[in-house]
Amino acid sequence: MRGTPIGNTQPREISRVYAWLTTRDPSGAFIGRLFQSIDLETGTRMCTWPDGIEFANIYTGEQKRYEKGKLRDV
């Protein structure tokens, strides 16, 4: 992982990095906030996210959208 934007972070630690930026939020409650992978998973399981909220990984560019109770890749 040397040379990546994550630096010397070990693979098991990546999920603890605040890497998921809220890029779209219909409710306005989470826009611009950073979350960890576990936050996205927990929020999905507990139905915390409003439909249509979108997240982008600031290191990889991967994008996810929460719709109808599921977090999906965009």
Protein backbone atom coordinates (compact mmCIF):
# COMPACT_ATOMS: atom_id res chain seq x y z
CA MET A 1 0.00 0.00 0.00
CA ARG A 2 3.02 2.26 -0.04
CA GLY A 3 2.53 5.30 -2.21
CA THR A 4 -1.27 5.36 -1.98
CA PRO A 5 -3.13 8.35 -0.53
CA ILE A 6 -3.72 6.22 2.56
CA GLY A 7 0.03 6.04 3.18
CA ASN A 8 1.24 3.33 5.54
CA THR A 9 -2.23 2.27 6.71
CA GLN A 10 -2.54 -1.48 6.98
CA PRO A 11 -5.46 -3.18 5.11
CA ARG A 12 -7.27 -4.03 8.36
CA GLU A 13 -7.17 -0.35 9.33
CA ILE A 14 -8.66 1.01 6.10
CA SER A 15 -12.23 0.53 7.30
CA ARG A 16 -11.42 2.78 10.29
CA VAL A 17 -10.38 5.68 8.05
CA TYR A 18 -12.89 8.48 7.59
CA ALA A 19 -12.91 8.09 3.81
CA TRP A 20 -16.59 8.38 2.81
CA LEU A 21 -17.70 11.92 2.01
CA THR A 22 -21.41 12.69 1.77
CA THR A 23 -21.81 14.21 -1.70
CA ARG A 24 -25.61 14.35 -1.90
CA ASP A 25 -28.12 14.42 0.93
CA PRO A 26 -31.79 15.22 0.33
CA SER A 27 -32.31 15.90 4.05
CA GLY A 28 -29.30 18.22 4.35
CA ALA A 29 -28.35 16.63 7.69
CA PHE A 30 -25.16 14.86 6.57
CA ILE A 31 -23.88 16.86 3.56
CA GLY A 32 -20.11 17.33 3.53
CA ARG A 33 -19.51 14.98 6.48
CA LEU A 34 -16.97 12.15 6.46
CA PHE A 35 -17.78 8.62 7.62
CA GLN A 36 -16.00 5.29 8.09
CA SER A 37 -17.03 2.15 6.19
CA ILE A 38 -18.53 0.75 9.37
CA ASP A 39 -20.66 3.88 9.72
CA LEU A 40 -22.14 3.31 6.27
CA GLU A 41 -22.89 -0.33 7.11
CA THR A 42 -24.38 0.45 10.52
CA GLY A 43 -26.45 3.34 9.14
CA THR A 44 -27.82 1.02 6.46
CA ARG A 45 -28.68 -1.74 8.94
CA MET A 46 -30.42 0.76 11.25
CA CYS A 47 -32.13 2.66 8.38
CA THR A 48 -30.43 5.91 9.44
CA TRP A 49 -29.81 7.28 5.96
CA PRO A 50 -32.42 9.20 3.97
CA ASP A 51 -33.27 7.75 0.54
CA GLY A 52 -31.03 9.22 -2.15
CA ILE A 53 -28.03 10.00 0.06
CA GLU A 54 -24.74 9.46 -1.78
CA PHE A 55 -21.21 8.89 -0.56
CA ALA A 56 -17.87 9.04 -2.38
CA ASN A 57 -14.65 7.48 -1.15
CA ILE A 58 -12.09 10.30 -1.13
CA TYR A 59 -9.21 7.86 -1.72
CA THR A 60 -10.60 5.52 -4.38
CA GLY A 61 -13.40 7.50 -6.02
CA GLU A 62 -15.85 4.66 -5.38
CA GLN A 63 -19.43 5.88 -4.97
CA LYS A 64 -22.40 4.48 -3.07
CA ARG A 65 -26.07 5.46 -2.90
CA TYR A 66 -28.64 4.52 -0.25
CA GLU A 67 -32.04 3.67 -1.73
CA LYS A 68 -34.97 1.62 -0.45
CA GLY A 69 -33.07 0.36 2.59
CA LYS A 70 -29.96 -0.77 0.69
CA LEU A 71 -26.54 0.74 0.08
CA ARG A 72 -25.58 0.19 -3.56
CA ASP A 73 -22.56 0.95 -5.74
CA VAL A 74 -23.15 3.75 -8.22
